[in-house]
N, C-alpha and C. Protein backbone atom coordinates (compact mmCIF):
# COMPACT_ATOMS: atom_id res chain seq x y z
N MET A 1 168.45 134.03 184.61
CA MET A 1 167.51 132.99 185.03
C MET A 1 166.09 133.37 184.61
N HIS A 2 165.50 132.58 183.75
CA HIS A 2 164.14 132.85 183.28
C HIS A 2 163.14 132.22 184.23
N SER A 3 162.13 132.96 184.60
CA SER A 3 161.07 132.38 185.40
C SER A 3 159.86 132.17 184.50
N HIS A 4 159.48 130.91 184.33
CA HIS A 4 158.34 130.61 183.48
C HIS A 4 157.07 130.67 184.32
N THR A 5 156.18 131.58 183.96
CA THR A 5 154.91 131.65 184.66
C THR A 5 153.95 130.67 184.01
N THR A 6 153.00 130.21 184.78
CA THR A 6 152.00 129.32 184.23
C THR A 6 150.82 130.15 183.74
N ASP A 7 151.14 131.11 182.88
CA ASP A 7 150.14 131.98 182.28
C ASP A 7 149.41 131.19 181.20
N MET A 8 148.10 131.06 181.36
CA MET A 8 147.34 130.24 180.42
C MET A 8 147.25 130.88 179.04
N SER A 9 147.47 132.17 178.95
CA SER A 9 147.34 132.83 177.65
C SER A 9 148.71 133.12 177.05
N ALA A 10 149.50 132.05 176.88
CA ALA A 10 150.81 132.21 176.26
C ALA A 10 150.61 132.51 174.78
N GLU A 11 150.98 133.72 174.38
CA GLU A 11 150.77 134.11 172.99
C GLU A 11 152.01 134.78 172.44
N VAL A 12 152.16 134.72 171.14
CA VAL A 12 153.23 135.44 170.46
C VAL A 12 152.59 136.43 169.49
N ASN A 13 153.30 137.51 169.25
CA ASN A 13 152.84 138.52 168.30
C ASN A 13 153.46 138.27 166.95
N LEU A 14 152.62 138.21 165.92
CA LEU A 14 153.06 137.95 164.56
C LEU A 14 152.61 139.08 163.66
N LYS A 15 153.40 139.36 162.63
CA LYS A 15 153.00 140.32 161.60
C LYS A 15 152.87 139.56 160.29
N ILE A 16 151.65 139.53 159.78
CA ILE A 16 151.36 138.75 158.57
C ILE A 16 150.79 139.69 157.51
N THR A 17 151.45 139.77 156.37
CA THR A 17 150.96 140.60 155.27
C THR A 17 150.24 139.71 154.28
N ASP A 18 148.98 140.07 153.97
CA ASP A 18 148.20 139.22 153.09
C ASP A 18 148.59 139.42 151.63
N ARG A 19 147.88 138.75 150.73
CA ARG A 19 148.24 138.77 149.31
C ARG A 19 147.91 140.09 148.64
N ASN A 20 147.20 140.97 149.35
CA ASN A 20 146.91 142.30 148.83
C ASN A 20 147.80 143.37 149.45
N GLY A 21 148.78 142.94 150.24
CA GLY A 21 149.70 143.90 150.85
C GLY A 21 149.19 144.51 152.14
N VAL A 22 148.12 143.96 152.70
CA VAL A 22 147.56 144.48 153.95
C VAL A 22 148.24 143.78 155.14
N LEU A 23 148.75 144.58 156.07
CA LEU A 23 149.44 144.03 157.24
C LEU A 23 148.46 143.72 158.36
N PHE A 24 148.55 142.52 158.88
CA PHE A 24 147.77 142.12 160.05
C PHE A 24 148.74 141.87 161.20
N GLU A 25 148.49 142.51 162.34
CA GLU A 25 149.27 142.22 163.54
C GLU A 25 148.38 141.38 164.43
N VAL A 26 148.76 140.13 164.62
CA VAL A 26 147.90 139.19 165.32
C VAL A 26 148.63 138.56 166.50
N GLU A 27 147.83 138.04 167.42
CA GLU A 27 148.36 137.25 168.53
C GLU A 27 148.00 135.80 168.27
N ALA A 28 148.97 134.92 168.47
CA ALA A 28 148.74 133.50 168.23
C ALA A 28 149.08 132.72 169.49
N PRO A 29 148.20 131.80 169.90
CA PRO A 29 148.45 131.02 171.11
C PRO A 29 149.55 129.99 170.89
N THR A 30 150.43 129.85 171.88
CA THR A 30 151.52 128.88 171.77
C THR A 30 151.14 127.54 172.38
N ASP A 31 149.97 127.46 172.99
CA ASP A 31 149.61 126.26 173.75
C ASP A 31 148.47 125.48 173.09
N MET A 32 148.19 125.76 171.81
CA MET A 32 147.07 125.09 171.15
C MET A 32 147.52 124.21 169.99
N ASN A 33 148.83 124.01 169.86
CA ASN A 33 149.35 123.11 168.83
C ASN A 33 148.92 123.55 167.43
N MET A 34 148.92 124.87 167.20
CA MET A 34 148.53 125.40 165.90
C MET A 34 149.76 125.63 165.03
N SER A 35 149.54 125.64 163.72
CA SER A 35 150.60 126.01 162.79
C SER A 35 150.35 127.44 162.31
N LEU A 36 151.37 128.01 161.68
CA LEU A 36 151.22 129.35 161.11
C LEU A 36 150.06 129.38 160.11
N MET A 37 149.93 128.34 159.31
CA MET A 37 148.83 128.26 158.35
C MET A 37 147.48 128.33 159.06
N GLU A 38 147.34 127.61 160.17
CA GLU A 38 146.06 127.60 160.89
C GLU A 38 145.75 128.96 161.50
N VAL A 39 146.78 129.67 161.94
CA VAL A 39 146.58 131.03 162.46
C VAL A 39 146.09 131.95 161.35
N ILE A 40 146.73 131.86 160.18
CA ILE A 40 146.32 132.68 159.03
C ILE A 40 144.87 132.39 158.68
N ARG A 41 144.49 131.12 158.74
CA ARG A 41 143.11 130.74 158.43
C ARG A 41 142.15 131.21 159.53
N ALA A 42 142.57 131.08 160.78
CA ALA A 42 141.71 131.48 161.91
C ALA A 42 141.39 132.97 161.87
N TYR A 43 142.35 133.78 161.46
CA TYR A 43 142.13 135.22 161.37
C TYR A 43 141.58 135.64 160.01
N ALA A 44 141.30 134.66 159.13
CA ALA A 44 140.76 134.93 157.79
C ALA A 44 141.63 135.91 157.01
N ILE A 45 142.95 135.76 157.16
CA ILE A 45 143.89 136.61 156.43
C ILE A 45 143.96 136.17 154.97
N ALA A 46 143.68 134.89 154.72
CA ALA A 46 143.52 134.40 153.35
C ALA A 46 142.15 133.74 153.25
N GLU A 47 141.57 133.79 152.05
CA GLU A 47 140.24 133.20 151.84
C GLU A 47 140.30 131.68 152.01
N ASP A 48 139.20 131.11 152.50
CA ASP A 48 139.08 129.65 152.51
C ASP A 48 139.21 129.16 151.08
N GLY A 49 139.91 128.05 150.89
CA GLY A 49 140.14 127.54 149.55
C GLY A 49 141.39 128.12 148.92
N GLU A 50 142.00 129.09 149.61
CA GLU A 50 143.25 129.67 149.11
C GLU A 50 144.38 129.50 150.11
N ILE A 51 144.10 128.81 151.20
CA ILE A 51 145.16 128.49 152.17
C ILE A 51 144.80 127.19 152.87
N GLY A 52 145.80 126.37 153.12
CA GLY A 52 145.54 125.11 153.81
C GLY A 52 144.71 124.15 153.00
N VAL A 53 144.82 124.24 151.68
CA VAL A 53 144.00 123.43 150.79
C VAL A 53 144.17 121.93 151.06
N CYS A 54 145.41 121.51 151.35
CA CYS A 54 145.67 120.08 151.56
C CYS A 54 145.49 119.67 153.02
N GLY A 55 145.12 120.62 153.87
CA GLY A 55 144.91 120.29 155.27
C GLY A 55 146.19 120.24 156.09
N GLY A 56 147.23 120.89 155.61
CA GLY A 56 148.46 120.97 156.39
C GLY A 56 149.42 119.82 156.20
N MET A 57 149.33 119.14 155.05
CA MET A 57 150.16 117.98 154.79
C MET A 57 151.40 118.29 153.94
N ALA A 58 151.69 119.57 153.71
CA ALA A 58 152.82 119.99 152.87
C ALA A 58 152.69 119.45 151.45
N MET A 59 151.44 119.44 150.93
CA MET A 59 151.20 118.86 149.61
C MET A 59 150.63 119.83 148.59
N CYS A 60 150.38 121.10 148.96
CA CYS A 60 149.73 121.97 147.97
C CYS A 60 150.42 123.31 147.76
N GLY A 61 151.16 123.80 148.73
CA GLY A 61 151.83 125.08 148.56
C GLY A 61 150.96 126.30 148.77
N SER A 62 149.69 126.11 149.18
CA SER A 62 148.80 127.27 149.32
C SER A 62 149.13 128.13 150.53
N CYS A 63 149.93 127.60 151.46
CA CYS A 63 150.29 128.38 152.65
C CYS A 63 151.72 128.89 152.59
N GLN A 64 152.30 128.88 151.38
CA GLN A 64 153.67 129.38 151.24
C GLN A 64 153.75 130.83 151.69
N CYS A 65 154.75 131.14 152.46
CA CYS A 65 154.96 132.54 152.83
C CYS A 65 156.44 132.85 152.82
N TYR A 66 156.72 134.13 152.70
CA TYR A 66 158.09 134.62 152.70
C TYR A 66 158.41 135.10 154.11
N ILE A 67 159.47 134.58 154.68
CA ILE A 67 159.88 134.94 156.04
C ILE A 67 160.70 136.22 155.97
N MET A 68 160.21 137.29 156.59
CA MET A 68 160.84 138.60 156.48
C MET A 68 161.68 138.98 157.70
N SER A 69 161.57 138.19 158.77
CA SER A 69 162.34 138.49 159.98
C SER A 69 163.36 137.37 160.17
N ASP A 70 164.36 137.61 161.02
CA ASP A 70 165.35 136.55 161.24
C ASP A 70 164.98 135.70 162.45
N THR A 71 163.69 135.43 162.57
CA THR A 71 163.16 134.60 163.64
C THR A 71 163.64 133.16 163.47
N PRO A 72 164.09 132.52 164.55
CA PRO A 72 164.52 131.12 164.42
C PRO A 72 163.34 130.20 164.10
N LEU A 73 163.50 129.39 163.06
CA LEU A 73 162.42 128.49 162.65
C LEU A 73 162.93 127.06 162.65
N PRO A 74 162.00 126.10 162.75
CA PRO A 74 162.44 124.70 162.63
C PRO A 74 163.00 124.45 161.23
N GLU A 75 163.88 123.48 161.12
CA GLU A 75 164.49 123.18 159.83
C GLU A 75 163.44 122.68 158.84
N ILE A 76 163.72 122.90 157.57
CA ILE A 76 162.83 122.41 156.52
C ILE A 76 162.97 120.89 156.41
N GLY A 77 161.84 120.20 156.47
CA GLY A 77 161.86 118.75 156.31
C GLY A 77 161.80 118.37 154.84
N PRO A 78 162.00 117.07 154.54
CA PRO A 78 162.02 116.63 153.14
C PRO A 78 160.71 116.89 152.39
N GLU A 79 159.56 116.71 153.06
CA GLU A 79 158.28 116.94 152.38
C GLU A 79 158.13 118.41 152.02
N GLU A 80 158.47 119.28 152.98
CA GLU A 80 158.35 120.71 152.73
C GLU A 80 159.31 121.14 151.61
N GLU A 81 160.52 120.62 151.66
CA GLU A 81 161.51 120.96 150.64
C GLU A 81 161.04 120.55 149.25
N ALA A 82 160.47 119.34 149.15
CA ALA A 82 159.97 118.85 147.87
C ALA A 82 158.82 119.71 147.36
N MET A 83 157.93 120.11 148.27
CA MET A 83 156.78 120.93 147.87
C MET A 83 157.24 122.30 147.42
N LEU A 84 158.17 122.91 148.14
CA LEU A 84 158.68 124.23 147.75
C LEU A 84 159.37 124.16 146.39
N PHE A 85 159.98 123.01 146.10
CA PHE A 85 160.65 122.83 144.81
C PHE A 85 159.63 122.86 143.67
N GLU A 86 158.43 122.33 143.94
CA GLU A 86 157.39 122.23 142.90
C GLU A 86 156.49 123.45 142.83
N THR A 87 156.47 124.25 143.88
CA THR A 87 155.54 125.36 143.98
C THR A 87 156.03 126.57 143.19
N SER A 88 155.09 127.35 142.67
CA SER A 88 155.45 128.60 141.99
C SER A 88 155.78 129.68 143.01
N TYR A 89 156.43 130.71 142.55
CA TYR A 89 156.71 131.93 143.34
C TYR A 89 157.66 131.71 144.51
N THR A 90 158.39 130.60 144.53
CA THR A 90 159.28 130.39 145.68
C THR A 90 160.49 131.32 145.62
N LYS A 91 160.94 131.69 146.81
CA LYS A 91 162.13 132.51 146.97
C LYS A 91 163.04 131.84 147.99
N GLU A 92 164.21 132.44 148.19
CA GLU A 92 165.16 131.92 149.19
C GLU A 92 164.52 131.80 150.57
N ASN A 93 163.61 132.72 150.88
CA ASN A 93 163.03 132.77 152.23
C ASN A 93 161.64 132.15 152.29
N SER A 94 161.30 131.31 151.31
CA SER A 94 159.98 130.66 151.31
C SER A 94 159.92 129.55 152.35
N ARG A 95 158.77 129.47 153.02
CA ARG A 95 158.45 128.36 153.91
C ARG A 95 156.97 128.05 153.76
N LEU A 96 156.58 126.84 154.13
CA LEU A 96 155.17 126.49 154.16
C LEU A 96 154.64 126.74 155.57
N GLY A 97 153.59 127.54 155.66
CA GLY A 97 153.04 127.90 156.96
C GLY A 97 152.56 126.70 157.77
N CYS A 98 152.13 125.64 157.07
CA CYS A 98 151.63 124.47 157.79
C CYS A 98 152.74 123.71 158.49
N GLN A 99 153.99 123.98 158.13
CA GLN A 99 155.13 123.27 158.71
C GLN A 99 155.82 124.08 159.81
N ILE A 100 155.22 125.21 160.18
CA ILE A 100 155.80 126.06 161.22
C ILE A 100 154.87 126.08 162.42
N PRO A 101 155.20 125.32 163.47
CA PRO A 101 154.35 125.32 164.66
C PRO A 101 154.49 126.64 165.43
N ILE A 102 153.39 127.08 166.02
CA ILE A 102 153.41 128.31 166.81
C ILE A 102 154.04 128.01 168.17
N THR A 103 155.24 128.55 168.38
CA THR A 103 155.93 128.38 169.66
C THR A 103 156.39 129.75 170.14
N GLU A 104 156.88 129.79 171.37
CA GLU A 104 157.35 131.07 171.93
C GLU A 104 158.49 131.65 171.10
N ASP A 105 159.22 130.79 170.38
CA ASP A 105 160.34 131.26 169.56
C ASP A 105 159.89 132.17 168.43
N LEU A 106 158.61 132.11 168.07
CA LEU A 106 158.13 132.88 166.91
C LEU A 106 157.79 134.32 167.24
N GLU A 107 157.96 134.73 168.49
CA GLU A 107 157.64 136.12 168.87
C GLU A 107 158.29 137.09 167.88
N GLY A 108 157.46 137.97 167.30
CA GLY A 108 157.98 138.98 166.38
C GLY A 108 158.14 138.52 164.94
N LEU A 109 157.72 137.29 164.64
CA LEU A 109 157.84 136.77 163.27
C LEU A 109 157.09 137.66 162.29
N GLU A 110 157.72 137.95 161.16
CA GLU A 110 157.08 138.72 160.09
C GLU A 110 157.09 137.90 158.82
N VAL A 111 155.90 137.70 158.24
CA VAL A 111 155.79 136.94 157.00
C VAL A 111 154.90 137.67 156.00
N ILE A 112 155.12 137.37 154.73
CA ILE A 112 154.26 137.85 153.65
C ILE A 112 153.73 136.61 152.94
N LEU A 113 152.41 136.54 152.75
CA LEU A 113 151.84 135.41 152.03
C LEU A 113 152.24 135.46 150.57
N ALA A 114 152.70 134.31 150.05
CA ALA A 114 153.06 134.21 148.64
C ALA A 114 151.79 134.11 147.79
N PRO A 115 151.88 134.49 146.52
CA PRO A 115 150.71 134.34 145.63
C PRO A 115 150.30 132.87 145.51
N TYR A 116 149.03 132.63 145.28
CA TYR A 116 148.51 131.29 145.06
C TYR A 116 147.26 131.41 144.21
N PRO A 117 147.02 130.52 143.25
CA PRO A 117 147.89 129.40 142.89
C PRO A 117 149.04 129.86 142.00
């Protein structure tokens, strides 16, 4: 039986490796309706203009990352699938950070930012 506390600072711990191979261990709020891309931008793990270029619409591929943990993620939607098909550097474990909402399920998620452009 899980007891859910009404803790206002619901956060998950994420490990994000930037494009230079530097590991960032960050906390991301689960109650602010943020995406993984927005967290990466908020912590300045990628330069402005090199992430979230399209504003999170799954149209540019600048937030592509490689999922390194077996964390459960939402299924890939048709827009994300189409963008990953067109984007360079895609791998089997590629996802767009803008399409991954920060939820409690992401605790322990490990990602590596893909090269861009």
